[in-house]
Amino acid sequence: MKILIFVSLALLCVFFPGGAPAQTLPPSAPKPHVVDVPQPVQPSADGSPPAEELDPAKIADFEKRFAQGQELEKEGKLLEARAIFDGIIAESPQAKGSLREAGFISLKLNELVKADDYFEKLHALVPDYPAAIESLIQINQALKRDVKVELLLKDFRELHDSGKVPEFTQSLFFVRERIQLAQGVIIISQFFDYTQDPNTVWMAEMFDADGQLKRRLLLNYDPAATQALRAKDPKYASTEIFTWFEHVIKDQRIKEIDAYMQIFALPEYTKFRSAMLVILATTPKPIYTAPVDIPVQ
């Protein structure tokens, strides 16, 4: 991996025209509606009646218990809340909302294998539910199941590009990994297509225990520099140029944008992650700095 020791002002302006970041960071992938009542049992292939009919009183009971579980969850009584959702799931394995909430609770409790089980069942019931796939990506990333992560990423991109969930298709990125710290968390987001504006591949954000954004690193693709290099020398016909940036944040405002280095090939995710952790731990001296004063988005 080669490192360029100079980044020009023109290069910086490709990413941040007018001194401001090019990207507008959208909210994370939306959560489509998931019904939390048992779905009607379909007739068998031979036309025989379903084994059981839905009981309106039972549906009302599920809804009441589900609301109780949500209230306990809001109060921070996670184990009690999950017990209620587990009770619903035991009686109705297709209770999608209960699978979802039990999965999110298990993530909060850092019970990853348990969370994986809930979200796998939810994904099987609702294959086109982005939040379930996104959660499974994060879980399997944490469990170091690299092959599983790649398969999930393939499914996720296909769903994103299919247009089946319009709001999700409009999303530019998703959360790939959450790294828990002693005081806070690092959230790593992956963009669906770095060749499109804002040309970001990965973004790493460090939050403190109060949820305040403290640092933001970005690895951006530079299409202009890439095309210029390819035009200059045919041997670079497949080369892509990427630049590490940091938004320097003070009092929830971006005060400057630091450029650290250029690289001539997109690293694997594990190498990006390692480099990100080194930068966050050591804060290298930038090779170029652009002063700005804009609010954190």
Protein backbone atom coordinates (compact mmCIF):
# COMPACT_ATOMS: atom_id res chain seq x y z
CA MET A 1 0.00 0.00 0.00
CA LYS A 2 1.66 3.22 -1.15
CA ILE A 3 1.30 6.48 0.76
CA LEU A 4 1.27 9.89 -0.87
CA ILE A 5 3.10 12.50 1.18
CA PHE A 6 1.17 15.43 -0.22
CA VAL A 7 -2.51 16.33 -0.58
CA SER A 8 -3.26 19.50 -2.47
CA LEU A 9 -5.93 22.07 -1.69
CA ALA A 10 -7.62 21.09 -4.93
CA LEU A 11 -7.88 17.49 -3.74
CA LEU A 12 -9.43 18.58 -0.46
CA CYS A 13 -11.99 20.66 -2.31
CA VAL A 14 -13.10 17.60 -4.27
CA PHE A 15 -14.41 16.18 -1.03
CA PHE A 16 -15.42 19.41 0.70
CA PRO A 17 -16.34 22.09 -1.85
CA GLY A 18 -16.57 25.53 -0.33
CA GLY A 19 -14.88 24.29 2.84
CA ALA A 20 -17.86 22.14 3.93
CA PRO A 21 -18.20 18.36 3.81
CA ALA A 22 -19.76 17.11 0.61
CA GLN A 23 -21.89 14.48 2.26
CA THR A 24 -25.19 14.94 4.04
CA LEU A 25 -25.36 12.06 6.46
CA PRO A 26 -28.82 10.48 6.36
CA PRO A 27 -30.41 8.56 9.23
CA SER A 28 -29.61 4.87 9.53
CA ALA A 29 -31.62 2.35 7.57
CA PRO A 30 -35.34 2.80 8.32
CA LYS A 31 -37.37 0.10 10.01
CA PRO A 32 -40.40 -0.93 7.94
CA HIS A 33 -43.57 -1.79 9.79
CA VAL A 34 -43.51 -5.23 11.39
CA VAL A 35 -46.81 -6.59 12.64
CA ASP A 36 -46.56 -8.28 16.02
CA VAL A 37 -49.59 -10.53 15.85
CA PRO A 38 -49.63 -14.11 14.56
CA GLN A 39 -50.29 -14.18 10.84
CA PRO A 40 -53.18 -16.30 9.50
CA VAL A 41 -52.26 -19.92 8.94
CA GLN A 42 -52.34 -20.69 5.22
CA PRO A 43 -54.30 -23.70 3.88
CA SER A 44 -52.25 -26.75 3.01
CA ALA A 45 -51.39 -27.65 -0.56
CA ASP A 46 -54.28 -30.13 -0.77
CA GLY A 47 -56.83 -27.49 0.18
CA SER A 48 -57.51 -28.84 3.66
CA PRO A 49 -58.37 -26.22 6.30
CA PRO A 50 -55.64 -24.75 8.49
CA ALA A 51 -54.80 -26.56 11.69
CA GLU A 52 -55.87 -23.60 13.80
CA GLU A 53 -57.85 -20.41 13.42
CA LEU A 54 -56.89 -17.05 14.89
CA ASP A 55 -58.70 -16.20 18.07
CA PRO A 56 -59.46 -12.44 18.32
CA ALA A 57 -59.22 -12.66 22.10
CA LYS A 58 -55.78 -14.23 21.81
CA ILE A 59 -54.65 -11.50 19.43
CA ALA A 60 -55.81 -8.86 21.91
CA ASP A 61 -53.88 -10.67 24.66
CA PHE A 62 -50.71 -10.71 22.54
CA GLU A 63 -51.05 -7.00 21.82
CA LYS A 64 -51.55 -6.20 25.50
CA ARG A 65 -48.53 -8.24 26.57
CA PHE A 66 -46.42 -6.80 23.76
CA ALA A 67 -47.24 -3.25 24.96
CA GLN A 68 -46.25 -4.28 28.50
CA GLY A 69 -42.94 -5.61 27.20
CA GLN A 70 -42.27 -2.35 25.35
CA GLU A 71 -43.00 -0.33 28.47
CA LEU A 72 -40.59 -2.43 30.55
CA GLU A 73 -37.99 -2.02 27.81
CA LYS A 74 -38.36 1.76 27.95
CA GLU A 75 -37.89 1.61 31.73
CA GLY A 76 -34.63 -0.28 31.24
CA LYS A 77 -35.99 -3.52 32.68
CA LEU A 78 -34.55 -5.50 29.82
CA LEU A 79 -34.64 -9.02 31.22
CA GLU A 80 -38.26 -8.62 32.34
CA ALA A 81 -39.20 -7.20 28.96
CA ARG A 82 -37.49 -10.04 27.09
CA ALA A 83 -39.26 -12.59 29.24
CA ILE A 84 -42.60 -11.19 28.06
CA PHE A 85 -41.51 -11.27 24.41
CA ASP A 86 -40.19 -14.81 24.86
CA GLY A 87 -43.58 -15.81 26.25
CA ILE A 88 -45.32 -14.48 23.17
CA ILE A 89 -42.81 -16.20 20.87
CA ALA A 90 -43.31 -19.51 22.70
CA GLU A 91 -47.03 -19.34 21.93
CA SER A 92 -46.65 -17.81 18.48
CA PRO A 93 -43.23 -18.38 16.84
CA GLN A 94 -44.20 -15.97 14.03
CA ALA A 95 -44.67 -12.97 16.35
CA LYS A 96 -42.35 -10.74 14.36
CA GLY A 97 -42.38 -7.69 16.62
CA SER A 98 -41.50 -9.81 19.65
CA LEU A 99 -38.60 -11.41 17.76
CA ARG A 100 -37.40 -7.94 16.82
CA GLU A 101 -37.62 -6.50 20.34
CA ALA A 102 -36.08 -9.58 21.96
CA GLY A 103 -33.25 -9.34 19.43
CA PHE A 104 -32.56 -5.68 20.17
CA ILE A 105 -32.66 -6.34 23.92
CA SER A 106 -30.15 -9.17 23.50
CA LEU A 107 -27.87 -6.80 21.58
CA LYS A 108 -28.07 -4.28 24.42
CA LEU A 109 -27.16 -7.05 26.85
CA ASN A 110 -24.28 -8.09 24.55
CA GLU A 111 -25.74 -11.59 24.27
CA LEU A 112 -24.77 -11.92 20.64
CA VAL A 113 -25.53 -15.60 20.03
CA LYS A 114 -29.00 -15.15 21.51
CA ALA A 115 -29.54 -11.99 19.41
CA ASP A 116 -28.41 -13.88 16.31
CA ASP A 117 -31.08 -16.52 16.92
CA TYR A 118 -33.89 -13.97 17.21
CA PHE A 119 -32.86 -12.03 14.12
CA GLU A 120 -32.26 -15.17 12.04
CA LYS A 121 -35.85 -16.23 12.76
CA LEU A 122 -37.12 -12.74 11.97
CA HIS A 123 -35.11 -12.64 8.73
CA ALA A 124 -36.60 -15.98 7.69
CA LEU A 125 -40.10 -14.62 8.29
CA VAL A 126 -39.47 -11.20 6.68
CA PRO A 127 -36.57 -11.53 4.19
CA ASP A 128 -37.01 -7.93 3.00
CA TYR A 129 -36.73 -6.31 6.44
CA PRO A 130 -33.53 -4.18 6.37
CA ALA A 131 -33.17 -3.79 10.15
CA ALA A 132 -32.97 -7.56 10.62
CA ILE A 133 -30.19 -7.96 8.02
CA GLU A 134 -28.30 -4.94 9.35
CA SER A 135 -28.45 -6.36 12.88
CA LEU A 136 -27.26 -9.77 11.63
CA ILE A 137 -24.30 -8.11 9.87
CA GLN A 138 -23.27 -6.37 13.11
CA ILE A 139 -23.73 -9.52 15.18
CA ASN A 140 -21.73 -11.75 12.83
CA GLN A 141 -19.05 -9.08 12.45
CA ALA A 142 -18.63 -9.08 16.22
CA LEU A 143 -18.58 -12.89 16.28
CA LYS A 144 -15.87 -12.85 13.56
CA ARG A 145 -17.95 -14.93 11.18
CA ASP A 146 -16.42 -13.39 8.07
CA VAL A 147 -18.03 -15.70 5.51
CA LYS A 148 -21.47 -15.14 7.01
CA VAL A 149 -20.91 -11.37 6.97
CA GLU A 150 -20.03 -11.42 3.27
CA LEU A 151 -23.17 -13.44 2.44
CA LEU A 152 -25.33 -11.02 4.43
CA LEU A 153 -23.68 -8.03 2.74
CA LYS A 154 -24.52 -9.53 -0.65
CA ASP A 155 -28.18 -9.96 0.36
CA PHE A 156 -28.25 -6.46 1.83
CA ARG A 157 -26.89 -4.82 -1.33
CA GLU A 158 -29.32 -6.76 -3.49
CA LEU A 159 -32.26 -5.66 -1.33
CA HIS A 160 -31.00 -2.07 -1.39
CA ASP A 161 -30.69 -2.06 -5.18
CA SER A 162 -33.98 -3.88 -5.78
CA GLY A 163 -36.18 -0.96 -4.73
CA LYS A 164 -38.50 -3.28 -2.77
CA VAL A 165 -38.22 -0.98 0.27
CA PRO A 166 -38.09 2.55 -1.21
CA GLU A 167 -36.97 4.31 1.98
CA PHE A 168 -34.16 1.82 2.41
CA THR A 169 -33.08 2.18 -1.23
CA GLN A 170 -32.66 5.92 -0.58
CA SER A 171 -30.24 5.23 2.29
CA LEU A 172 -26.61 5.92 1.45
CA PHE A 173 -25.08 3.78 4.18
CA PHE A 174 -25.69 1.37 7.05
CA VAL A 175 -24.03 0.49 10.35
CA ARG A 176 -21.62 -2.40 9.84
CA GLU A 177 -20.06 -2.66 13.29
CA ARG A 178 -20.35 -1.28 16.82
CA ILE A 179 -17.20 -1.49 18.94
CA GLN A 180 -17.99 -1.08 22.64
CA LEU A 181 -15.48 0.98 24.60
CA ALA A 182 -15.01 1.40 28.35
CA GLN A 183 -16.60 4.85 28.01
CA GLY A 184 -18.56 5.03 24.79
CA VAL A 185 -18.74 3.28 21.44
CA ILE A 186 -17.23 3.37 17.95
CA ILE A 187 -19.79 3.03 15.16
CA ILE A 188 -18.49 2.04 11.74
CA SER A 189 -20.77 2.74 8.80
CA GLN A 190 -20.36 1.36 5.30
CA PHE A 191 -21.61 3.18 2.21
CA PHE A 192 -23.38 1.22 -0.51
CA ASP A 193 -21.59 2.79 -3.49
CA TYR A 194 -18.42 4.81 -2.97
CA THR A 195 -18.31 5.74 -6.67
CA GLN A 196 -21.36 7.96 -6.07
CA ASP A 197 -21.50 11.22 -4.11
CA PRO A 198 -20.32 11.62 -1.34
CA ASN A 199 -17.70 9.02 -2.41
CA THR A 200 -17.29 7.66 1.12
CA VAL A 201 -16.35 4.01 1.61
CA TRP A 202 -16.38 3.74 5.40
CA MET A 203 -17.02 6.20 8.23
CA ALA A 204 -15.95 5.62 11.83
CA GLU A 205 -17.53 7.73 14.58
CA MET A 206 -16.51 7.72 18.23
CA PHE A 207 -19.19 8.62 20.79
CA ASP A 208 -18.68 9.15 24.51
CA ALA A 209 -20.81 7.61 27.26
CA ASP A 210 -23.31 10.48 26.92
CA GLY A 211 -23.76 9.88 23.21
CA GLN A 212 -21.80 12.96 22.12
CA LEU A 213 -19.83 12.61 18.90
CA LYS A 214 -16.13 13.09 19.67
CA ARG A 215 -14.32 12.00 16.49
CA ARG A 216 -15.22 11.14 12.90
CA LEU A 217 -12.91 9.43 10.40
CA LEU A 218 -13.71 8.88 6.73
CA LEU A 219 -12.08 6.90 3.95
CA ASN A 220 -13.13 8.59 0.70
CA TYR A 221 -12.70 7.65 -2.93
CA ASP A 222 -11.25 10.41 -5.16
CA PRO A 223 -12.68 10.00 -8.67
CA ALA A 224 -10.93 13.09 -10.09
CA ALA A 225 -7.46 12.03 -8.91
CA THR A 226 -8.17 8.46 -10.03
CA GLN A 227 -9.10 9.52 -13.55
CA ALA A 228 -6.12 11.90 -13.77
CA LEU A 229 -3.70 9.13 -12.78
CA ARG A 230 -5.23 6.66 -15.23
CA ALA A 231 -5.01 9.19 -18.06
CA LYS A 232 -1.37 9.92 -17.23
CA ASP A 233 -0.14 6.33 -17.29
CA PRO A 234 -1.95 3.28 -18.75
CA LYS A 235 -0.34 0.97 -16.21
CA TYR A 236 -2.65 2.55 -13.60
CA ALA A 237 -5.79 1.68 -15.58
CA SER A 238 -7.31 -0.23 -12.65
CA THR A 239 -5.93 1.95 -9.84
CA GLU A 240 -8.28 3.75 -7.48
CA ILE A 241 -7.18 6.55 -5.15
CA PHE A 242 -8.59 6.90 -1.63
CA THR A 243 -7.89 9.49 1.08
CA TRP A 244 -8.18 9.32 4.87
CA PHE A 245 -9.89 12.34 6.43
CA GLU A 246 -10.95 13.40 9.90
CA HIS A 247 -13.60 15.92 10.93
CA VAL A 248 -12.03 17.61 13.97
CA ILE A 249 -14.91 18.23 16.36
CA LYS A 250 -15.07 20.76 19.19
CA ASP A 251 -18.27 21.70 21.03
CA GLN A 252 -20.31 19.71 18.50
CA ARG A 253 -18.96 21.77 15.59
CA ILE A 254 -16.50 20.70 12.90
CA LYS A 255 -13.61 23.13 13.27
CA GLU A 256 -11.21 21.71 10.72
CA ILE A 257 -10.82 18.88 8.25
CA ASP A 258 -7.53 16.99 8.39
CA ALA A 259 -6.19 14.88 5.53
CA TYR A 260 -3.88 12.10 6.70
CA MET A 261 -2.81 10.05 3.67
CA GLN A 262 -3.68 8.78 0.21
CA ILE A 263 -3.70 5.10 -0.71
CA PHE A 264 -3.77 3.49 -4.15
CA ALA A 265 -6.03 0.51 -3.46
CA LEU A 266 -9.13 -0.12 -1.40
CA PRO A 267 -8.12 -2.13 1.68
CA GLU A 268 -10.07 -5.06 3.03
CA TYR A 269 -12.42 -4.18 5.85
CA THR A 270 -10.14 -5.76 8.47
CA LYS A 271 -7.21 -3.60 7.32
CA PHE A 272 -9.37 -0.47 7.33
CA ARG A 273 -10.53 -1.33 10.85
CA SER A 274 -6.96 -1.81 12.08
CA ALA A 275 -5.81 1.49 10.54
CA MET A 276 -8.84 3.27 11.99
CA LEU A 277 -8.02 2.05 15.49
CA VAL A 278 -4.38 3.19 15.10
CA ILE A 279 -5.47 6.67 13.98
CA LEU A 280 -7.94 6.99 16.84
CA ALA A 281 -5.28 5.88 19.34
CA THR A 282 -2.41 8.02 18.07
CA THR A 283 -3.93 10.95 16.09
CA PRO A 284 -1.21 11.26 13.42
CA LYS A 285 -0.03 14.62 12.17
CA PRO A 286 -2.13 15.66 9.16
CA ILE A 287 -0.50 16.32 5.81
CA TYR A 288 -3.08 18.99 5.10
CA THR A 289 -5.61 20.90 7.21
CA ALA A 290 -8.59 22.98 6.07
CA PRO A 291 -10.20 25.23 8.71
CA VAL A 292 -14.02 25.21 8.79
CA ASP A 293 -16.76 26.06 11.28
CA ILE A 294 -19.92 24.06 10.65
CA PRO A 295 -22.32 22.14 12.91
CA VAL A 296 -21.96 18.40 13.27
CA GLN A 297 -24.55 16.60 11.14
